[in-house]
N, C-alpha and C. Protein backbone atom coordinates (compact mmCIF):
# COMPACT_ATOMS: atom_id res chain seq x y z
N MET A 1 79.18 75.04 89.48
CA MET A 1 79.31 75.24 91.08
C MET A 1 80.68 75.91 91.24
N LYS A 2 80.72 77.19 91.89
CA LYS A 2 81.97 77.50 92.08
C LYS A 2 82.48 77.01 93.86
N THR A 3 83.51 77.11 93.83
CA THR A 3 83.77 76.27 95.18
C THR A 3 84.64 77.57 95.85
N LYS A 4 84.59 77.97 97.53
CA LYS A 4 84.64 78.48 98.00
C LYS A 4 86.16 79.34 97.95
N ALA A 5 86.74 78.49 96.95
CA ALA A 5 88.35 78.96 96.86
C ALA A 5 88.43 79.73 95.34
N GLN A 6 87.30 79.05 94.78
CA GLN A 6 87.36 80.11 93.33
C GLN A 6 86.98 81.27 93.19
N SER A 7 85.77 81.38 94.67
CA SER A 7 85.24 82.48 94.89
C SER A 7 86.08 83.82 95.68
N ARG A 8 86.85 82.96 96.22
CA ARG A 8 87.46 83.76 97.18
C ARG A 8 88.70 84.50 95.94
N GLU A 9 89.07 83.73 94.90
CA GLU A 9 90.03 84.13 94.31
C GLU A 9 89.60 85.06 93.42
N ARG A 10 88.09 84.76 92.91
CA ARG A 10 87.46 85.44 91.92
C ARG A 10 87.58 86.88 92.94
N ASN A 11 87.03 87.13 94.33
CA ASN A 11 86.70 88.22 94.90
C ASN A 11 88.09 89.11 95.22
N ASN A 12 88.97 88.13 95.41
CA ASN A 12 90.03 88.55 95.55
C ASN A 12 90.77 89.61 94.16
N GLY A 13 90.78 88.79 93.07
CA GLY A 13 91.23 89.72 92.14
C GLY A 13 89.86 90.95 91.61
N PHE A 14 88.74 90.87 92.26
CA PHE A 14 88.15 92.40 92.15
C PHE A 14 88.12 93.04 93.00
N LEU A 15 88.96 93.12 94.11
CA LEU A 15 89.52 93.99 95.18
C LEU A 15 91.01 94.25 94.77
N GLN A 16 91.57 93.09 94.06
CA GLN A 16 92.64 94.03 93.47
C GLN A 16 92.69 95.08 92.21
N THR A 17 91.58 94.54 91.43
CA THR A 17 91.67 95.59 90.16
C THR A 17 90.76 96.96 90.54
N HIS A 18 89.98 96.76 91.71
CA HIS A 18 89.56 97.84 92.02
C HIS A 18 90.25 98.54 93.47
N GLN A 19 91.24 98.50 93.71
CA GLN A 19 92.32 99.30 94.69
C GLN A 19 93.45 99.66 93.45
N GLN A 20 93.62 99.13 92.10
CA GLN A 20 94.26 99.60 90.89
C GLN A 20 93.38 100.92 90.23
N MET A 21 92.26 100.75 90.42
CA MET A 21 91.39 101.67 89.62
C MET A 21 91.18 102.88 90.60
N ILE A 22 91.20 102.68 91.83
CA ILE A 22 91.24 103.66 93.11
C ILE A 22 92.78 104.51 92.89
N GLU A 23 93.81 103.36 92.80
CA GLU A 23 95.27 104.33 92.86
C GLU A 23 95.20 105.06 91.09
N ALA A 24 94.52 104.61 90.38
CA ALA A 24 94.78 105.50 88.97
C ALA A 24 94.01 107.00 89.39
N ALA A 25 92.49 106.32 89.67
CA ALA A 25 92.16 107.38 89.81
C ALA A 25 92.79 108.70 90.81
N THR A 26 93.32 108.33 91.75
CA THR A 26 93.98 109.39 92.74
C THR A 26 95.12 110.16 91.80
N ARG A 27 95.95 109.15 90.59
CA ARG A 27 96.92 109.75 89.75
C ARG A 27 96.32 110.81 89.43
N LEU A 28 95.16 110.09 88.23
CA LEU A 28 94.74 111.35 87.71
C LEU A 28 94.65 112.32 88.22
N ILE A 29 93.93 112.51 89.41
CA ILE A 29 93.28 113.68 90.26
C ILE A 29 94.83 114.38 90.37
N ALA A 30 95.61 113.43 90.82
CA ALA A 30 96.90 114.43 91.26
C ALA A 30 97.99 114.79 89.92
N GLU A 31 97.52 114.58 88.71
CA GLU A 31 97.49 115.02 87.50
C GLU A 31 97.44 116.18 86.62
N LYS A 32 95.68 115.86 86.90
CA LYS A 32 95.05 116.89 86.13
C LYS A 32 94.22 117.50 86.93
N GLY A 33 93.88 117.14 88.20
CA GLY A 33 92.70 118.40 89.08
C GLY A 33 91.07 117.05 88.78
N ALA A 34 90.40 117.38 89.95
CA ALA A 34 89.36 116.00 90.20
C ALA A 34 88.46 116.32 89.10
N ASP A 35 88.11 118.00 88.68
CA ASP A 35 87.18 118.06 87.54
C ASP A 35 87.84 117.27 86.14
N ALA A 36 89.25 117.17 85.71
CA ALA A 36 89.05 116.30 85.05
C ALA A 36 88.86 114.76 84.78
N LEU A 37 88.73 114.18 85.74
CA LEU A 37 88.32 112.39 86.06
C LEU A 37 87.20 112.18 85.89
N SER A 38 87.27 111.33 85.21
CA SER A 38 85.98 110.64 84.36
C SER A 38 85.91 109.41 84.84
N LEU A 39 84.88 108.55 84.47
CA LEU A 39 85.09 107.01 84.08
C LEU A 39 85.68 106.40 82.98
N ALA A 40 85.04 107.55 81.75
CA ALA A 40 86.08 107.45 80.43
C ALA A 40 87.74 107.73 80.70
N GLU A 41 88.08 109.27 81.11
CA GLU A 41 89.36 108.84 81.27
C GLU A 41 90.16 107.70 82.10
N LEU A 42 89.54 107.62 83.38
CA LEU A 42 90.35 106.16 84.04
C LEU A 42 90.03 104.95 83.10
N ALA A 43 89.11 104.44 82.45
CA ALA A 43 89.50 103.28 81.23
C ALA A 43 90.07 103.69 80.39
N ARG A 44 90.35 104.47 79.90
CA ARG A 44 91.96 105.16 79.28
C ARG A 44 93.15 104.78 79.80
N GLU A 45 93.28 105.47 80.39
CA GLU A 45 94.60 105.60 81.75
C GLU A 45 94.76 103.97 81.83
N LEU A 46 93.54 102.86 82.04
CA LEU A 46 94.17 101.71 82.75
C LEU A 46 94.30 100.60 81.25
N GLU A 47 93.62 101.22 80.03
CA GLU A 47 93.42 100.46 78.49
C GLU A 47 92.35 99.39 79.20
N VAL A 48 91.78 99.80 79.52
CA VAL A 48 90.39 98.96 79.95
C VAL A 48 89.28 99.41 78.97
N ASN A 49 88.10 98.11 79.32
CA ASN A 49 86.84 98.91 78.38
C ASN A 49 86.11 99.56 79.31
N ARG A 50 84.99 100.81 79.00
CA ARG A 50 84.53 101.18 80.07
C ARG A 50 83.47 100.51 81.01
N THR A 51 83.11 99.51 80.30
CA THR A 51 82.49 98.50 81.16
C THR A 51 82.93 98.20 82.22
N THR A 52 83.76 97.86 82.07
CA THR A 52 84.62 97.10 83.53
C THR A 52 84.62 98.34 84.58
N ILE A 53 84.94 99.50 84.19
CA ILE A 53 84.97 100.72 85.16
C ILE A 53 83.55 100.84 86.05
N TYR A 54 82.54 100.41 84.66
CA TYR A 54 81.11 100.56 85.84
C TYR A 54 81.06 99.30 86.09
N TYR A 55 81.56 98.49 85.96
CA TYR A 55 81.52 97.23 86.55
C TYR A 55 81.54 97.58 88.39
N HIS A 56 82.97 98.67 88.55
CA HIS A 56 83.23 98.32 89.69
C HIS A 56 82.72 99.79 90.33
N PHE A 57 82.03 100.90 89.94
CA PHE A 57 81.37 102.00 90.22
C PHE A 57 80.35 102.87 89.15
N LYS A 58 79.31 102.98 89.73
CA LYS A 58 78.12 103.05 89.50
C LYS A 58 78.24 104.35 88.47
N ASN A 59 78.88 105.30 89.14
CA ASN A 59 79.26 107.06 88.44
C ASN A 59 80.64 107.59 88.92
N ARG A 60 80.58 108.66 88.34
CA ARG A 60 82.03 109.38 88.90
C ARG A 60 81.85 109.64 89.81
N GLU A 61 80.66 110.03 91.02
CA GLU A 61 81.15 110.51 92.11
C GLU A 61 81.08 109.58 93.20
N GLN A 62 80.46 107.75 92.85
CA GLN A 62 80.94 107.24 93.49
C GLN A 62 82.61 106.84 93.78
N LEU A 63 83.40 107.00 92.16
CA LEU A 63 84.59 106.91 92.33
C LEU A 63 85.38 107.77 92.85
N ILE A 64 85.03 108.75 93.17
CA ILE A 64 85.29 109.88 93.54
C ILE A 64 85.43 109.85 95.06
N SER A 65 84.43 109.27 95.54
CA SER A 65 83.93 108.87 97.41
C SER A 65 85.07 108.12 97.34
N GLU A 66 85.01 107.15 96.53
CA GLU A 66 86.10 105.85 97.16
C GLU A 66 87.13 106.37 96.81
N VAL A 67 87.75 107.38 96.22
CA VAL A 67 89.06 107.46 96.14
C VAL A 67 89.36 108.63 97.43
N LYS A 68 88.55 109.40 97.74
CA LYS A 68 88.48 110.31 99.16
C LYS A 68 88.54 109.63 100.46
N GLN A 69 87.99 107.99 100.59
CA GLN A 69 87.64 107.35 101.71
C GLN A 69 89.20 106.44 101.51
N TRP A 70 89.76 106.44 100.36
CA TRP A 70 91.09 106.08 100.28
C TRP A 70 92.27 106.41 100.60
N ALA A 71 92.07 108.45 100.46
CA ALA A 71 92.76 109.37 101.20
C ALA A 71 92.70 109.22 102.25
N SER A 72 91.49 109.03 103.10
CA SER A 72 91.86 109.47 104.23
C SER A 72 92.00 108.24 105.11
N GLN A 73 92.70 106.89 104.50
CA GLN A 73 92.77 105.87 104.97
C GLN A 73 94.36 106.36 104.86
N GLN A 74 94.93 106.37 104.35
CA GLN A 74 96.10 107.26 103.87
C GLN A 74 96.58 108.29 104.98
N LEU A 75 95.66 108.87 105.39
CA LEU A 75 95.99 109.83 106.54
C LEU A 75 96.42 109.77 107.83
N THR A 76 95.77 108.55 108.01
CA THR A 76 95.66 107.92 108.83
C THR A 76 96.63 107.24 109.57
N VAL A 77 97.54 107.35 108.84
CA VAL A 77 98.96 106.33 108.82
C VAL A 77 99.79 107.57 110.20
N GLY A 78 99.30 108.85 109.99
CA GLY A 78 99.65 109.75 111.17
C GLY A 78 99.34 109.07 112.68
N LEU A 79 98.60 108.08 113.00
CA LEU A 79 98.58 107.69 113.60
C LEU A 79 99.01 106.02 114.44
N ASP A 80 100.01 105.61 113.14
CA ASP A 80 100.51 104.07 113.20
C ASP A 80 101.75 104.13 114.04
N LEU A 81 101.80 103.69 115.56
CA LEU A 81 102.43 103.79 116.59
C LEU A 81 103.60 102.88 116.05
N LYS A 82 103.42 101.88 115.27
CA LYS A 82 104.56 101.02 114.34
C LYS A 82 105.68 101.86 114.09
N LEU A 83 105.16 102.91 113.40
CA LEU A 83 106.14 103.83 112.67
C LEU A 83 106.79 104.91 113.88
N SER A 84 107.97 105.32 113.59
CA SER A 84 108.45 106.66 114.43
C SER A 84 107.54 107.65 114.37
N GLU A 85 107.50 108.35 114.97
CA GLU A 85 106.95 109.86 114.85
C GLU A 85 107.81 110.66 113.32
N GLN A 86 108.95 110.64 113.38
CA GLN A 86 109.64 111.35 112.06
C GLN A 86 108.97 110.61 110.96
N GLU A 87 108.54 109.22 110.96
CA GLU A 87 108.36 108.32 110.10
C GLU A 87 106.93 109.01 109.52
N ARG A 88 106.24 108.86 110.34
CA ARG A 88 104.97 109.53 110.58
C ARG A 88 104.55 110.58 109.67
N ILE A 89 105.73 111.66 110.36
CA ILE A 89 105.37 113.07 109.73
C ILE A 89 105.81 113.67 108.73
N GLU A 90 106.90 112.49 107.99
CA GLU A 90 107.47 112.60 107.03
C GLU A 90 106.23 112.18 105.83
N PHE A 91 105.97 110.68 106.56
CA PHE A 91 104.52 110.14 105.26
C PHE A 91 103.47 111.28 105.35
N LEU A 92 103.18 111.42 105.61
CA LEU A 92 102.10 112.82 105.92
C LEU A 92 102.19 113.59 104.86
N THR A 93 103.49 114.49 105.08
CA THR A 93 103.68 116.11 104.71
C THR A 93 103.87 115.51 103.13
N ARG A 94 105.13 114.29 102.72
CA ARG A 94 104.65 113.65 101.59
C ARG A 94 103.82 113.63 100.60
N PHE A 95 102.78 112.67 101.12
CA PHE A 95 101.40 112.78 100.79
C PHE A 95 100.50 113.72 100.76
N VAL A 96 100.18 114.52 101.51
CA VAL A 96 99.76 115.98 101.05
C VAL A 96 100.59 116.58 99.88
N LEU A 97 101.78 116.46 99.78
CA LEU A 97 102.69 117.25 98.61
C LEU A 97 102.57 117.09 97.32
N ASP A 98 102.21 115.29 97.37
CA ASP A 98 102.22 114.39 96.19
C ASP A 98 100.53 114.36 95.62
N ASN A 99 99.70 114.98 96.86
CA ASN A 99 98.26 114.02 96.40
C ASN A 99 97.63 116.02 96.77
N ASN A 100 98.00 116.90 96.43
CA ASN A 100 97.66 118.52 96.77
C ASN A 100 95.75 118.32 96.10
N GLU A 101 95.93 118.16 95.02
CA GLU A 101 94.00 117.78 94.26
C GLU A 101 93.79 117.05 95.25
N LEU A 102 93.43 115.95 96.19
CA LEU A 102 93.20 115.50 96.92
C LEU A 102 92.92 116.11 98.31
N ILE A 103 93.86 116.46 98.51
CA ILE A 103 93.66 117.51 99.94
C ILE A 103 92.54 118.81 99.81
N LYS A 104 92.54 118.95 98.35
CA LYS A 104 91.50 120.18 98.21
C LYS A 104 90.41 119.61 98.25
N LEU A 105 90.30 118.03 97.95
CA LEU A 105 88.74 117.49 98.17
C LEU A 105 88.17 116.99 99.85
N TRP A 106 89.35 116.86 100.32
CA TRP A 106 88.97 116.33 101.68
C TRP A 106 89.03 118.09 102.49
N ILE A 107 89.56 118.81 102.28
CA ILE A 107 89.24 120.08 102.62
C ILE A 107 88.04 120.57 102.25
N GLY A 108 87.32 120.34 101.24
CA GLY A 108 85.99 120.70 100.98
C GLY A 108 84.95 120.38 101.60
N ASP A 109 85.02 119.05 101.78
CA ASP A 109 84.16 117.99 102.44
C ASP A 109 84.54 118.82 104.02
N LEU A 110 85.48 118.99 104.77
CA LEU A 110 85.23 119.34 105.85
C LEU A 110 84.75 120.76 106.21
N LEU A 111 84.83 121.41 105.05
CA LEU A 111 84.32 123.02 104.98
C LEU A 111 82.61 122.68 104.64
N SER A 112 82.46 121.89 104.51
CA SER A 112 80.82 121.43 103.91
C SER A 112 80.68 121.01 105.25
N GLY A 113 80.74 121.18 106.36
CA GLY A 113 79.73 120.56 107.38
C GLY A 113 79.97 119.35 107.51
N ALA A 114 79.90 118.36 106.45
CA ALA A 114 80.36 117.10 106.94
C ALA A 114 80.77 116.75 108.33
N ASP A 115 80.45 115.49 108.80
CA ASP A 115 81.18 115.12 110.33
C ASP A 115 82.58 114.56 109.90
N ILE A 116 83.38 115.01 110.65
CA ILE A 116 85.07 115.25 110.75
C ILE A 116 85.12 113.38 110.60
N ARG A 117 84.09 112.85 111.15
CA ARG A 117 85.29 111.17 111.21
C ARG A 117 84.71 111.14 109.78
N GLN A 118 83.65 111.39 108.79
CA GLN A 118 83.80 110.42 107.48
C GLN A 118 85.05 111.20 106.47
N CYS A 119 85.49 112.69 106.54
CA CYS A 119 86.71 112.93 106.38
C CYS A 119 88.02 112.10 106.81
N TYR A 120 87.75 112.20 108.21
CA TYR A 120 88.95 111.63 108.63
C TYR A 120 88.78 110.51 109.71
N PRO A 121 88.49 109.10 109.26
CA PRO A 121 87.66 107.86 109.95
C PRO A 121 88.90 107.82 111.82
N ALA A 122 89.47 108.67 111.68
CA ALA A 122 90.77 107.82 113.06
C ALA A 122 90.50 109.23 113.63
N TRP A 123 89.36 110.28 113.35
CA TRP A 123 89.23 111.33 114.55
C TRP A 123 89.32 110.91 115.58
N ASP A 124 88.59 110.15 116.54
CA ASP A 124 88.31 109.62 117.77
C ASP A 124 89.54 109.22 118.33
N GLU A 125 89.91 108.27 117.43
CA GLU A 125 91.51 107.41 117.81
C GLU A 125 92.44 108.68 117.93
N PHE A 126 92.72 109.82 116.97
CA PHE A 126 93.66 110.95 117.48
C PHE A 126 93.31 111.65 118.28
N VAL A 127 92.40 111.89 118.37
CA VAL A 127 91.75 112.97 119.93
C VAL A 127 92.13 112.16 121.59
N GLU A 128 91.49 111.08 121.51
CA GLU A 128 91.81 110.20 122.72
C GLU A 128 93.68 110.02 122.65
N VAL A 129 94.57 109.66 121.70
CA VAL A 129 95.64 109.89 121.79
C VAL A 129 96.71 110.98 122.03
N MET A 130 96.12 112.04 121.60
CA MET A 130 96.60 113.25 121.86
C MET A 130 96.03 113.79 123.62
N ALA A 131 94.66 113.91 123.59
CA ALA A 131 94.53 113.48 125.14
C ALA A 131 95.21 113.13 126.15
N THR A 132 95.46 112.28 125.87
CA THR A 132 96.43 111.17 126.92
C THR A 132 97.84 111.16 126.71
N SER A 133 98.33 111.29 125.75
CA SER A 133 99.81 111.02 125.71
C SER A 133 100.66 112.67 125.71
N TYR A 134 100.19 113.45 125.19
CA TYR A 134 100.46 114.83 125.05
C TYR A 134 99.88 116.03 126.22
N SER A 135 100.99 116.59 126.86
CA SER A 135 100.76 117.38 127.28
C SER A 135 101.67 118.67 127.11
N PRO A 136 100.60 120.06 127.36
CA PRO A 136 101.34 121.43 126.83
C PRO A 136 102.45 121.64 127.78
N PRO A 137 103.22 122.45 126.85
CA PRO A 137 104.45 123.04 127.82
C PRO A 137 104.73 123.72 129.21
N GLY A 138 104.94 123.06 129.85
CA GLY A 138 104.22 123.35 131.82
C GLY A 138 103.78 122.28 131.90
N GLY A 139 103.46 121.20 131.85
CA GLY A 139 102.70 120.17 132.53
C GLY A 139 101.34 120.37 132.17
N GLY A 140 100.29 119.55 132.89
CA GLY A 140 99.56 119.25 132.57
C GLY A 140 98.52 119.07 131.60
N ARG A 141 97.15 118.84 131.39
CA ARG A 141 96.61 118.16 129.94
C ARG A 141 96.27 119.14 129.44
N LEU A 142 96.07 118.83 127.93
CA LEU A 142 95.29 119.69 126.61
C LEU A 142 94.25 120.18 127.10
N ALA A 143 93.95 121.38 127.27
CA ALA A 143 92.79 122.12 127.40
C ALA A 143 91.42 121.45 127.09
N ASP A 144 91.80 121.52 125.43
CA ASP A 144 90.51 121.10 124.20
C ASP A 144 91.35 120.06 123.30
N PRO A 145 91.78 118.81 123.25
CA PRO A 145 91.98 117.90 123.10
C PRO A 145 91.20 118.26 121.55
N GLU A 146 90.13 118.36 121.50
CA GLU A 146 89.49 118.69 119.97
C GLU A 146 89.79 119.77 119.08
N VAL A 147 89.92 120.39 119.76
CA VAL A 147 90.34 122.05 118.96
C VAL A 147 91.98 121.66 118.65
N TYR A 148 92.99 121.12 119.83
CA TYR A 148 94.49 120.79 119.33
C TYR A 148 94.40 120.30 118.52
N CYS A 149 93.91 118.94 117.85
CA CYS A 149 93.44 118.30 117.17
C CYS A 149 93.58 118.84 116.10
N LEU A 150 92.22 119.36 115.67
CA LEU A 150 92.12 120.12 114.32
C LEU A 150 93.29 121.04 114.27
N ASN A 151 93.75 121.84 114.73
CA ASN A 151 94.65 122.56 114.82
C ASN A 151 95.58 121.54 113.81
N MET A 152 96.24 120.60 114.85
CA MET A 152 97.26 119.55 114.29
C MET A 152 96.99 119.04 112.75
N LEU A 153 95.59 118.53 112.61
CA LEU A 153 95.38 118.37 111.35
C LEU A 153 95.39 119.20 110.36
N ILE A 154 94.87 120.23 110.31
CA ILE A 154 94.86 121.46 109.35
C ILE A 154 96.50 122.10 109.39
N SER A 155 97.37 122.12 110.25
CA SER A 155 98.47 122.38 109.93
C SER A 155 99.60 121.36 109.20
N ALA A 156 98.85 120.07 109.50
CA ALA A 156 99.61 118.76 108.82
C ALA A 156 99.16 118.50 107.07
N PHE A 157 97.90 118.89 106.78
CA PHE A 157 97.39 118.39 105.33
C PHE A 157 97.16 119.91 104.77
N ILE A 158 97.61 120.80 105.18
CA ILE A 158 97.02 122.31 104.48
C ILE A 158 98.52 123.55 104.31
N ALA A 159 99.56 122.81 105.18
CA ALA A 159 100.70 124.07 105.26
C ALA A 159 101.80 123.19 104.66
N PRO A 160 102.05 122.28 104.35
CA PRO A 160 102.89 121.68 103.34
C PRO A 160 102.73 122.10 101.80
N GLY A 161 101.55 122.53 101.59
CA GLY A 161 100.92 122.30 99.89
C GLY A 161 101.19 124.21 100.21
N VAL A 162 101.04 124.55 101.15
CA VAL A 162 100.62 126.26 101.13
C VAL A 162 102.53 126.98 101.20
N PHE A 163 103.19 126.17 101.86
CA PHE A 163 104.30 126.31 102.12
C PHE A 163 105.09 126.40 100.92
N ARG A 164 104.67 125.29 99.71
CA ARG A 164 105.40 124.98 98.68
C ARG A 164 105.41 125.79 97.60
N SER A 165 103.92 125.88 97.96
CA SER A 165 103.60 126.53 96.73
C SER A 165 103.84 128.55 96.80
N SER A 166 103.58 128.89 98.04
CA SER A 166 103.58 130.28 98.09
C SER A 166 104.96 130.48 99.12
N VAL A 167 105.48 129.69 99.70
CA VAL A 167 106.43 130.47 100.62
C VAL A 167 108.13 129.86 99.97
N ALA A 168 107.94 128.73 99.58
CA ALA A 168 109.20 128.21 99.03
C ALA A 168 109.38 127.31 98.00
N PRO A 169 108.94 127.59 96.66
CA PRO A 169 108.61 127.32 95.62
C PRO A 169 110.02 126.30 94.80
N GLN A 170 110.94 126.53 95.19
CA GLN A 170 111.96 125.65 94.62
C GLN A 170 112.40 124.55 95.16
N ALA A 171 112.01 124.64 96.81
CA ALA A 171 112.04 123.30 97.43
C ALA A 171 111.56 122.26 97.39
N GLY A 172 112.41 121.15 97.50
CA GLY A 172 112.35 119.80 97.18
C GLY A 172 111.15 118.95 97.65
N VAL A 173 110.20 118.11 97.63
CA VAL A 173 109.39 117.33 98.92
C VAL A 173 110.27 116.76 99.84
N ALA A 174 111.49 116.70 99.37
CA ALA A 174 112.42 116.08 100.75
C ALA A 174 112.83 116.94 101.83
N GLU A 175 113.18 117.74 101.34
CA GLU A 175 113.76 118.96 102.32
C GLU A 175 111.98 119.68 103.16
N ILE A 176 111.20 119.50 102.15
CA ILE A 176 109.81 120.03 102.88
C ILE A 176 109.42 118.96 103.71
N ALA A 177 109.38 118.02 103.79
CA ALA A 177 108.80 117.12 104.56
C ALA A 177 109.90 117.29 106.28
N ALA A 178 111.15 116.97 105.84
CA ALA A 178 112.10 117.02 106.82
C ALA A 178 111.96 118.41 108.16
N ARG A 179 111.66 119.67 106.90
CA ARG A 179 111.41 120.76 107.69
C ARG A 179 109.81 121.09 108.54
N PHE A 180 108.75 120.52 108.12
CA PHE A 180 108.11 119.95 108.94
C PHE A 180 108.05 119.09 109.92
N ALA A 181 109.01 118.05 109.38
CA ALA A 181 108.87 117.08 110.64
C ALA A 181 109.68 117.45 111.99
N ALA A 182 110.48 118.36 111.31
CA ALA A 182 111.52 119.07 112.48
C ALA A 182 110.58 119.64 113.14
N GLU A 183 109.33 120.49 112.54
CA GLU A 183 108.70 121.67 113.48
C GLU A 183 107.53 120.75 113.99
N HIS A 184 107.04 120.05 113.76
CA HIS A 184 105.84 119.18 113.94
C HIS A 184 106.28 118.64 115.73
N LYS A 185 108.13 117.72 115.09
CA LYS A 185 108.43 117.34 116.71
C LYS A 185 108.67 118.46 117.80
N ARG A 186 109.11 119.31 117.06
CA ARG A 186 109.07 120.95 118.35
C ARG A 186 107.94 121.26 118.96
N ASN A 187 106.96 121.01 117.76
CA ASN A 187 106.02 121.38 118.56
C ASN A 187 105.09 120.65 120.03
N LEU A 188 105.09 119.33 119.20
CA LEU A 188 104.92 118.27 119.73
C LEU A 188 105.50 117.94 121.47
N LEU A 189 106.81 118.60 121.74
CA LEU A 189 107.86 118.46 123.17
C LEU A 189 107.21 119.56 124.23
């Protein structure tokens, strides 16, 4: 019979392996696009038996769903008040630029009519923070915090990729992150 400590270690091992698989799938999506991701490709990338992958994910759809959930959690860093505003904005911009293919999946979910809370779990918190913390130029409160927040998300998650691909393809990630951080900060004043 297994002790609680052995069960915890086994569970921690499972969770750690599961997370490594999600992060490897994220890298594969970033490199090759979501259409190229398969459980067999993930197994080759991690140099494990395909059965190991199936132990964690019943199919490709579940893997992609969990990758999108992981990406959504990463995108909530923009609300982590332990980080400076500059750090939050730069993190988001870098994440978007490094994970353009994931952002495309995220946008697809938003456009599909899925509840925004499924795509961005921190939505309600984000709206509340913006409604209570920020006021438009000239004072007062935000007239429509949900619309304002949606504009902020779209700007933060789509604009850096469009900027890099269509406006300044020669610009590096650090330069783009700095430029967007400066502009976001100006917009919040």
